[in-house]
Every structure is written in C-alpha cells, then in structure tokens.
C-alpha cells in the first residue's frame, strides 16, 4: 500500500465513524481529534476501523503516537 492509498483509507474510515465531519480538510500536521472535533468513542471506533481496513493492530499504549495525520500514516507504513 502506498501513501495515497493509505490516506484514502484513513479519510474514508474517518468519514465512516464520524459522518458529520469533513476529513478532507486535514493537513499532515493537524491533530485529527481536535481538527474534526471527535470524541473518544469515535476515536476508538476509528482505530478499530483502521485495523479492519489495513490489518495493522494499534495497541492502546501507541495511541499517543498517532495524534496527527502524518503520525498515523508513518505509524501504519512502518508496520
């Protein structure tokens, strides 16, 4: 999977779990939850959705490492 495909998966997953948001506005350095005003339940559903779409398990202790879009993409690409 390349970066373009991954970004598409991330944005689609965000839209699925938080349909009232506009994930397309996210820039690489934006904090995802803050920018999209996501609560913790939506954030958790997003992590689960990403796991299903990418096959990458993100353990709870790593949640702090994936704050921005750039962080998240880098994290998944490394796995």
PDB file of N, CA and C in Angstrom:
ATOM      1  N   UNK A   1       0.846  -1.172   0.000  1.00  0.00           N
ATOM      2  CA  UNK A   1       0.000   0.000   0.000  1.00  0.00           C
ATOM      3  C   UNK A   1       0.894   1.238   0.000  1.00  0.00           C
ATOM      4  N   UNK A   2       0.587   2.184  -0.873  1.00  0.00           N
ATOM      5  CA  UNK A   2       1.364   3.419  -0.913  1.00  0.00           C
ATOM      6  C   UNK A   2       0.678   4.507  -0.076  1.00  0.00           C
ATOM      7  N   UNK A   3       1.334   5.652   0.030  1.00  0.00           N
ATOM      8  CA  UNK A   3       0.810   6.731   0.885  1.00  0.00           C
ATOM      9  C   UNK A   3      -0.541   7.249   0.416  1.00  0.00           C
ATOM     10  N   UNK A   4      -0.731   7.350  -0.894  1.00  0.00           N
ATOM     11  CA  UNK A   4      -2.003   7.841  -1.436  1.00  0.00           C
ATOM     12  C   UNK A   4      -3.143   6.899  -1.085  1.00  0.00           C
ATOM     13  N   UNK A   5      -2.907   5.601  -1.229  1.00  0.00           N
ATOM     14  CA  UNK A   5      -3.928   4.611  -0.882  1.00  0.00           C
ATOM     15  C   UNK A   5      -4.227   4.639   0.613  1.00  0.00           C
ATOM     16  N   UNK A   6      -3.174   4.745   1.419  1.00  0.00           N
ATOM     17  CA  UNK A   6      -3.351   4.788   2.862  1.00  0.00           C
ATOM     18  C   UNK A   6      -4.143   6.018   3.287  1.00  0.00           C
ATOM     19  N   UNK A   7      -3.803   7.165   2.722  1.00  0.00           N
ATOM     20  CA  UNK A   7      -4.527   8.390   3.073  1.00  0.00           C
ATOM     21  C   UNK A   7      -6.007   8.254   2.707  1.00  0.00           C
ATOM     22  N   UNK A   8      -6.294   7.654   1.572  1.00  0.00           N
ATOM     23  CA  UNK A   8      -7.684   7.447   1.161  1.00  0.00           C
ATOM     24  C   UNK A   8      -8.412   6.556   2.167  1.00  0.00           C
ATOM     25  N   UNK A   9      -7.767   5.481   2.608  1.00  0.00           N
ATOM     26  CA  UNK A   9      -8.357   4.581   3.598  1.00  0.00           C
ATOM     27  C   UNK A   9      -8.623   5.325   4.903  1.00  0.00           C
ATOM     28  N   UNK A  10      -7.662   6.131   5.334  1.00  0.00           N
ATOM     29  CA  UNK A  10      -7.805   6.891   6.579  1.00  0.00           C
ATOM     30  C   UNK A  10      -8.989   7.851   6.482  1.00  0.00           C
ATOM     31  N   UNK A  11      -9.060   8.599   5.393  1.00  0.00           N
ATOM     32  CA  UNK A  11     -10.138   9.578   5.238  1.00  0.00           C
ATOM     33  C   UNK A  11     -11.503   8.898   5.145  1.00  0.00           C
ATOM     34  N   UNK A  12     -11.571   7.781   4.419  1.00  0.00           N
ATOM     35  CA  UNK A  12     -12.831   7.041   4.320  1.00  0.00           C
ATOM     36  C   UNK A  12     -13.243   6.487   5.690  1.00  0.00           C
ATOM     37  N   UNK A  13     -12.274   6.011   6.444  1.00  0.00           N
ATOM     38  CA  UNK A  13     -12.557   5.464   7.773  1.00  0.00           C
ATOM     39  C   UNK A  13     -13.048   6.556   8.711  1.00  0.00           C
ATOM     40  N   UNK A  14     -12.426   7.712   8.640  1.00  0.00           N
ATOM     41  CA  UNK A  14     -12.863   8.836   9.463  1.00  0.00           C
ATOM     42  C   UNK A  14     -14.305   9.222   9.123  1.00  0.00           C
ATOM     43  N   UNK A  15     -14.599   9.284   7.849  1.00  0.00           N
ATOM     44  CA  UNK A  15     -15.945   9.669   7.407  1.00  0.00           C
ATOM     45  C   UNK A  15     -16.977   8.633   7.853  1.00  0.00           C
ATOM     46  N   UNK A  16     -16.576   7.355   7.858  1.00  0.00           N
ATOM     47  CA  UNK A  16     -17.495   6.291   8.262  1.00  0.00           C
ATOM     48  C   UNK A  16     -17.850   6.379   9.750  1.00  0.00           C
ATOM     49  N   UNK A  17     -16.847   6.619  10.597  1.00  0.00           N
ATOM     50  CA  UNK A  17     -17.106   6.634  12.045  1.00  0.00           C
ATOM     51  C   UNK A  17     -17.583   7.991  12.546  1.00  0.00           C
ATOM     52  N   UNK A  18     -17.284   9.034  11.813  1.00  0.00           N
ATOM     53  CA  UNK A  18     -17.716  10.385  12.196  1.00  0.00           C
ATOM     54  C   UNK A  18     -18.302  11.073  10.958  1.00  0.00           C
ATOM     55  N   UNK A  19     -19.505  10.655  10.541  1.00  0.00           N
ATOM     56  CA  UNK A  19     -20.079  11.144   9.281  1.00  0.00           C
ATOM     57  C   UNK A  19     -20.374  12.642   9.231  1.00  0.00           C
ATOM     58  N   UNK A  20     -20.430  13.280  10.375  1.00  0.00           N
ATOM     59  CA  UNK A  20     -20.701  14.723  10.394  1.00  0.00           C
ATOM     60  C   UNK A  20     -19.442  15.555  10.219  1.00  0.00           C
ATOM     61  N   UNK A  21     -18.303  14.904  10.017  1.00  0.00           N
ATOM     62  CA  UNK A  21     -17.040  15.624   9.862  1.00  0.00           C
ATOM     63  C   UNK A  21     -16.649  15.727   8.399  1.00  0.00           C
ATOM     64  N   UNK A  22     -15.622  16.516   8.143  1.00  0.00           N
ATOM     65  CA  UNK A  22     -15.079  16.674   6.801  1.00  0.00           C
ATOM     66  C   UNK A  22     -13.584  16.346   6.843  1.00  0.00           C
ATOM     67  N   UNK A  23     -13.214  15.065   6.808  1.00  0.00           N
ATOM     68  CA  UNK A  23     -11.811  14.674   6.936  1.00  0.00           C
ATOM     69  C   UNK A  23     -10.907  15.221   5.837  1.00  0.00           C
ATOM     70  N   UNK A  24     -11.482  15.583   4.700  1.00  0.00           N
ATOM     71  CA  UNK A  24     -10.675  16.088   3.588  1.00  0.00           C
ATOM     72  C   UNK A  24      -9.933  17.381   3.930  1.00  0.00           C
ATOM     73  N   UNK A  25     -10.361  18.067   4.984  1.00  0.00           N
ATOM     74  CA  UNK A  25      -9.696  19.317   5.366  1.00  0.00           C
ATOM     75  C   UNK A  25      -8.397  19.078   6.134  1.00  0.00           C
ATOM     76  N   UNK A  26      -8.169  17.830   6.562  1.00  0.00           N
ATOM     77  CA  UNK A  26      -6.977  17.532   7.366  1.00  0.00           C
ATOM     78  C   UNK A  26      -5.687  17.763   6.594  1.00  0.00           C
ATOM     79  N   UNK A  27      -4.776  18.439   7.248  1.00  0.00           N
ATOM     80  CA  UNK A  27      -3.420  18.601   6.733  1.00  0.00           C
ATOM     81  C   UNK A  27      -2.516  17.664   7.523  1.00  0.00           C
ATOM     82  N   UNK A  28      -1.338  17.397   7.015  1.00  0.00           N
ATOM     83  CA  UNK A  28      -0.429  16.417   7.626  1.00  0.00           C
ATOM     84  C   UNK A  28      -0.178  16.667   9.114  1.00  0.00           C
ATOM     85  N   UNK A  29      -0.014  17.901   9.513  1.00  0.00           N
ATOM     86  CA  UNK A  29       0.322  18.217  10.898  1.00  0.00           C
ATOM     87  C   UNK A  29      -0.862  18.451  11.815  1.00  0.00           C
ATOM     88  N   UNK A  30      -2.069  18.373  11.275  1.00  0.00           N
ATOM     89  CA  UNK A  30      -3.265  18.602  12.093  1.00  0.00           C
ATOM     90  C   UNK A  30      -3.493  17.460  13.076  1.00  0.00           C
ATOM     91  N   UNK A  31      -3.905  17.814  14.275  1.00  0.00           N
ATOM     92  CA  UNK A  31      -4.297  16.813  15.260  1.00  0.00           C
ATOM     93  C   UNK A  31      -5.698  16.341  14.876  1.00  0.00           C
ATOM     94  N   UNK A  32      -5.812  15.080  14.553  1.00  0.00           N
ATOM     95  CA  UNK A  32      -7.039  14.532  13.979  1.00  0.00           C
ATOM     96  C   UNK A  32      -8.257  14.781  14.865  1.00  0.00           C
ATOM     97  N   UNK A  33      -8.174  14.375  16.128  1.00  0.00           N
ATOM     98  CA  UNK A  33      -9.338  14.501  17.014  1.00  0.00           C
ATOM     99  C   UNK A  33      -9.742  15.956  17.211  1.00  0.00           C
ATOM    100  N   UNK A  34      -8.764  16.839  17.371  1.00  0.00           N
ATOM    101  CA  UNK A  34      -9.075  18.255  17.592  1.00  0.00           C
ATOM    102  C   UNK A  34      -9.675  18.886  16.343  1.00  0.00           C
ATOM    103  N   UNK A  35      -9.047  18.646  15.209  1.00  0.00           N
ATOM    104  CA  UNK A  35      -9.487  19.277  13.959  1.00  0.00           C
ATOM    105  C   UNK A  35     -10.911  18.850  13.582  1.00  0.00           C
ATOM    106  N   UNK A  36     -11.222  17.569  13.835  1.00  0.00           N
ATOM    107  CA  UNK A  36     -12.538  17.055  13.465  1.00  0.00           C
ATOM    108  C   UNK A  36     -13.505  17.021  14.638  1.00  0.00           C
ATOM    109  N   UNK A  37     -13.061  17.507  15.790  1.00  0.00           N
ATOM    110  CA  UNK A  37     -13.894  17.547  16.997  1.00  0.00           C
ATOM    111  C   UNK A  37     -14.505  16.174  17.301  1.00  0.00           C
ATOM    112  N   UNK A  38     -13.619  15.159  17.321  1.00  0.00           N
ATOM    113  CA  UNK A  38     -14.050  13.782  17.582  1.00  0.00           C
ATOM    114  C   UNK A  38     -13.965  13.484  19.074  1.00  0.00           C
ATOM    115  N   UNK A  39     -14.969  12.786  19.587  1.00  0.00           N
ATOM    116  CA  UNK A  39     -14.903  12.364  20.981  1.00  0.00           C
ATOM    117  C   UNK A  39     -14.109  11.055  21.075  1.00  0.00           C
ATOM    118  N   UNK A  40     -13.875  10.600  22.281  1.00  0.00           N
ATOM    119  CA  UNK A  40     -13.038   9.415  22.482  1.00  0.00           C
ATOM    120  C   UNK A  40     -13.685   8.151  21.907  1.00  0.00           C
ATOM    121  N   UNK A  41     -15.011   8.065  21.936  1.00  0.00           N
ATOM    122  CA  UNK A  41     -15.690   6.900  21.375  1.00  0.00           C
ATOM    123  C   UNK A  41     -15.485   6.830  19.862  1.00  0.00           C
ATOM    124  N   UNK A  42     -15.638   7.964  19.173  1.00  0.00           N
ATOM    125  CA  UNK A  42     -15.398   7.996  17.725  1.00  0.00           C
ATOM    126  C   UNK A  42     -13.939   7.673  17.417  1.00  0.00           C
ATOM    127  N   UNK A  43     -13.033   8.168  18.238  1.00  0.00           N
ATOM    128  CA  UNK A  43     -11.607   7.901  18.024  1.00  0.00           C
ATOM    129  C   UNK A  43     -11.313   6.410  18.149  1.00  0.00           C
ATOM    130  N   UNK A  44     -11.921   5.771  19.119  1.00  0.00           N
ATOM    131  CA  UNK A  44     -11.725   4.331  19.294  1.00  0.00           C
ATOM    132  C   UNK A  44     -12.331   3.554  18.127  1.00  0.00           C
ATOM    133  N   UNK A  45     -13.510   3.946  17.704  1.00  0.00           N
ATOM    134  CA  UNK A  45     -14.140   3.294  16.545  1.00  0.00           C
ATOM    135  C   UNK A  45     -13.283   3.479  15.297  1.00  0.00           C
ATOM    136  N   UNK A  46     -12.641   4.612  15.180  1.00  0.00           N
ATOM    137  CA  UNK A  46     -11.744   4.897  14.053  1.00  0.00           C
ATOM    138  C   UNK A  46     -10.544   3.948  14.075  1.00  0.00           C
ATOM    139  N   UNK A  47      -9.953   3.741  15.240  1.00  0.00           N
ATOM    140  CA  UNK A  47      -8.810   2.824  15.368  1.00  0.00           C
ATOM    141  C   UNK A  47      -9.227   1.405  14.976  1.00  0.00           C
ATOM    142  N   UNK A  48     -10.396   0.977  15.422  1.00  0.00           N
ATOM    143  CA  UNK A  48     -10.903  -0.358  15.084  1.00  0.00           C
ATOM    144  C   UNK A  48     -11.132  -0.466  13.571  1.00  0.00           C
ATOM    145  N   UNK A  49     -11.710   0.549  12.992  1.00  0.00           N
ATOM    146  CA  UNK A  49     -11.961   0.572  11.549  1.00  0.00           C
ATOM    147  C   UNK A  49     -10.645   0.500  10.770  1.00  0.00           C
ATOM    148  N   UNK A  50      -9.648   1.246  11.215  1.00  0.00           N
ATOM    149  CA  UNK A  50      -8.341   1.197  10.549  1.00  0.00           C
ATOM    150  C   UNK A  50      -7.727  -0.192  10.631  1.00  0.00           C
ATOM    151  N   UNK A  51      -7.869  -0.822  11.776  1.00  0.00           N
ATOM    152  CA  UNK A  51      -7.352  -2.177  11.936  1.00  0.00           C
ATOM    153  C   UNK A  51      -8.010  -3.117  10.930  1.00  0.00           C
ATOM    154  N   UNK A  52      -9.310  -2.987  10.768  1.00  0.00           N
ATOM    155  CA  UNK A  52     -10.032  -3.833   9.819  1.00  0.00           C
ATOM    156  C   UNK A  52      -9.616  -3.565   8.378  1.00  0.00           C
ATOM    157  N   UNK A  53      -9.386  -2.315   8.039  1.00  0.00           N
ATOM    158  CA  UNK A  53      -9.056  -1.937   6.659  1.00  0.00           C
ATOM    159  C   UNK A  53      -7.590  -2.174   6.305  1.00  0.00           C
ATOM    160  N   UNK A  54      -6.700  -2.030   7.279  1.00  0.00           N
ATOM    161  CA  UNK A  54      -5.263  -2.130   6.981  1.00  0.00           C
ATOM    162  C   UNK A  54      -4.616  -3.398   7.525  1.00  0.00           C
ATOM    163  N   UNK A  55      -5.250  -4.027   8.494  1.00  0.00           N
ATOM    164  CA  UNK A  55      -4.654  -5.197   9.121  1.00  0.00           C
ATOM    165  C   UNK A  55      -3.592  -4.840  10.149  1.00  0.00           C
ATOM    166  N   UNK A  56      -3.431  -3.548  10.425  1.00  0.00           N
ATOM    167  CA  UNK A  56      -2.430  -3.086  11.397  1.00  0.00           C
ATOM    168  C   UNK A  56      -3.104  -2.902  12.748  1.00  0.00           C
ATOM    169  N   UNK A  57      -2.609  -3.630  13.732  1.00  0.00           N
ATOM    170  CA  UNK A  57      -3.126  -3.508  15.092  1.00  0.00           C
ATOM    171  C   UNK A  57      -2.422  -2.345  15.781  1.00  0.00           C
ATOM    172  N   UNK A  58      -3.190  -1.429  16.332  1.00  0.00           N
ATOM    173  CA  UNK A  58      -2.632  -0.296  17.056  1.00  0.00           C
ATOM    174  C   UNK A  58      -2.991  -0.477  18.523  1.00  0.00           C
ATOM    175  N   UNK A  59      -2.025  -0.924  19.325  1.00  0.00           N
ATOM    176  CA  UNK A  59      -2.320  -1.130  20.745  1.00  0.00           C
ATOM    177  C   UNK A  59      -2.576   0.196  21.460  1.00  0.00           C
ATOM    178  N   UNK A  60      -3.343   0.118  22.535  1.00  0.00           N
ATOM    179  CA  UNK A  60      -3.724   1.315  23.280  1.00  0.00           C
ATOM    180  C   UNK A  60      -2.521   2.149  23.707  1.00  0.00           C
ATOM    181  N   UNK A  61      -1.426   1.499  24.063  1.00  0.00           N
ATOM    182  CA  UNK A  61      -0.246   2.251  24.503  1.00  0.00           C
ATOM    183  C   UNK A  61       0.385   3.078  23.382  1.00  0.00           C
ATOM    184  N   UNK A  62      -0.006   2.825  22.120  1.00  0.00           N
ATOM    185  CA  UNK A  62       0.534   3.593  20.996  1.00  0.00           C
ATOM    186  C   UNK A  62      -0.386   4.720  20.543  1.00  0.00           C
ATOM    187  N   UNK A  63      -1.555   4.859  21.143  1.00  0.00           N
ATOM    188  CA  UNK A  63      -2.495   5.896  20.715  1.00  0.00           C
ATOM    189  C   UNK A  63      -1.866   7.287  20.756  1.00  0.00           C
ATOM    190  N   UNK A  64      -1.020   7.540  21.730  1.00  0.00           N
ATOM    191  CA  UNK A  64      -0.362   8.839  21.849  1.00  0.00           C
ATOM    192  C   UNK A  64       0.649   9.119  20.751  1.00  0.00           C
ATOM    193  N   UNK A  65       1.024   8.091  20.013  1.00  0.00           N
ATOM    194  CA  UNK A  65       1.994   8.239  18.922  1.00  0.00           C
ATOM    195  C   UNK A  65       1.325   8.604  17.603  1.00  0.00           C
ATOM    196  N   UNK A  66       0.004   8.571  17.558  1.00  0.00           N
ATOM    197  CA  UNK A  66      -0.706   8.790  16.290  1.00  0.00           C
ATOM    198  C   UNK A  66      -1.685   9.957  16.388  1.00  0.00           C
ATOM    199  N   UNK A  67      -1.205  11.073  16.832  1.00  0.00           N
ATOM    200  CA  UNK A  67      -2.049  12.247  17.065  1.00  0.00           C
ATOM    201  C   UNK A  67      -2.384  12.969  15.761  1.00  0.00           C
ATOM    202  N   UNK A  68      -1.398  13.126  14.896  1.00  0.00           N
ATOM    203  CA  UNK A  68      -1.615  13.852  13.643  1.00  0.00           C
ATOM    204  C   UNK A  68      -1.780  12.879  12.476  1.00  0.00           C
ATOM    205  N   UNK A  69      -2.255  13.388  11.367  1.00  0.00           N
ATOM    206  CA  UNK A  69      -2.393  12.579  10.160  1.00  0.00           C
ATOM    207  C   UNK A  69      -1.033  12.034   9.736  1.00  0.00           C
ATOM    208  N   UNK A  70      -0.023  12.865   9.811  1.00  0.00           N
ATOM    209  CA  UNK A  70       1.331  12.450   9.447  1.00  0.00           C
ATOM    210  C   UNK A  70       1.821  11.326  10.363  1.00  0.00           C
ATOM    211  N   UNK A  71       1.605  11.484  11.667  1.00  0.00           N
ATOM    212  CA  UNK A  71       1.997  10.449  12.635  1.00  0.00           C
ATOM    213  C   UNK A  71       1.319   9.121  12.309  1.00  0.00           C
ATOM    214  N   UNK A  72       0.035   9.185  12.053  1.00  0.00           N
ATOM    215  CA  UNK A  72      -0.741   7.986  11.791  1.00  0.00           C
ATOM    216  C   UNK A  72      -0.265   7.290  10.519  1.00  0.00           C
ATOM    217  N   UNK A  73      -0.054   8.046   9.469  1.00  0.00           N
ATOM    218  CA  UNK A  73       0.412   7.458   8.218  1.00  0.00           C
ATOM    219  C   UNK A  73       1.783   6.819   8.398  1.00  0.00           C
ATOM    220  N   UNK A  74       2.655   7.514   9.085  1.00  0.00           N
ATOM    221  CA  UNK A  74       4.001   6.984   9.321  1.00  0.00           C
ATOM    222  C   UNK A  74       3.932   5.693  10.147  1.00  0.00           C
ATOM    223  N   UNK A  75       3.117   5.700  11.166  1.00  0.00           N
ATOM    224  CA  UNK A  75       2.967   4.533  12.049  1.00  0.00           C
ATOM    225  C   UNK A  75       2.503   3.312  11.252  1.00  0.00           C
ATOM    226  N   UNK A  76       1.466   3.495  10.444  1.00  0.00           N
ATOM    227  CA  UNK A  76       0.929   2.375   9.681  1.00  0.00           C
ATOM    228  C   UNK A  76       1.897   1.919   8.600  1.00  0.00           C
ATOM    229  N   UNK A  77       2.552   2.843   7.936  1.00  0.00           N
ATOM    230  CA  UNK A  77       3.514   2.476   6.889  1.00  0.00           C
ATOM    231  C   UNK A  77       4.675   1.657   7.467  1.00  0.00           C
ATOM    232  N   UNK A  78       5.083   1.955   8.694  1.00  0.00           N
ATOM    233  CA  UNK A  78       6.163   1.205   9.330  1.00  0.00           C
ATOM    234  C   UNK A  78       5.763  -0.226   9.654  1.00  0.00           C
ATOM    235  N   UNK A  79       4.485  -0.434   9.915  1.00  0.00           N
ATOM    236  CA  UNK A  79       4.004  -1.759  10.293  1.00  0.00           C
ATOM    237  C   UNK A  79       3.815  -2.571   9.042  1.00  0.00           C
TER     238      UNK A  79
END
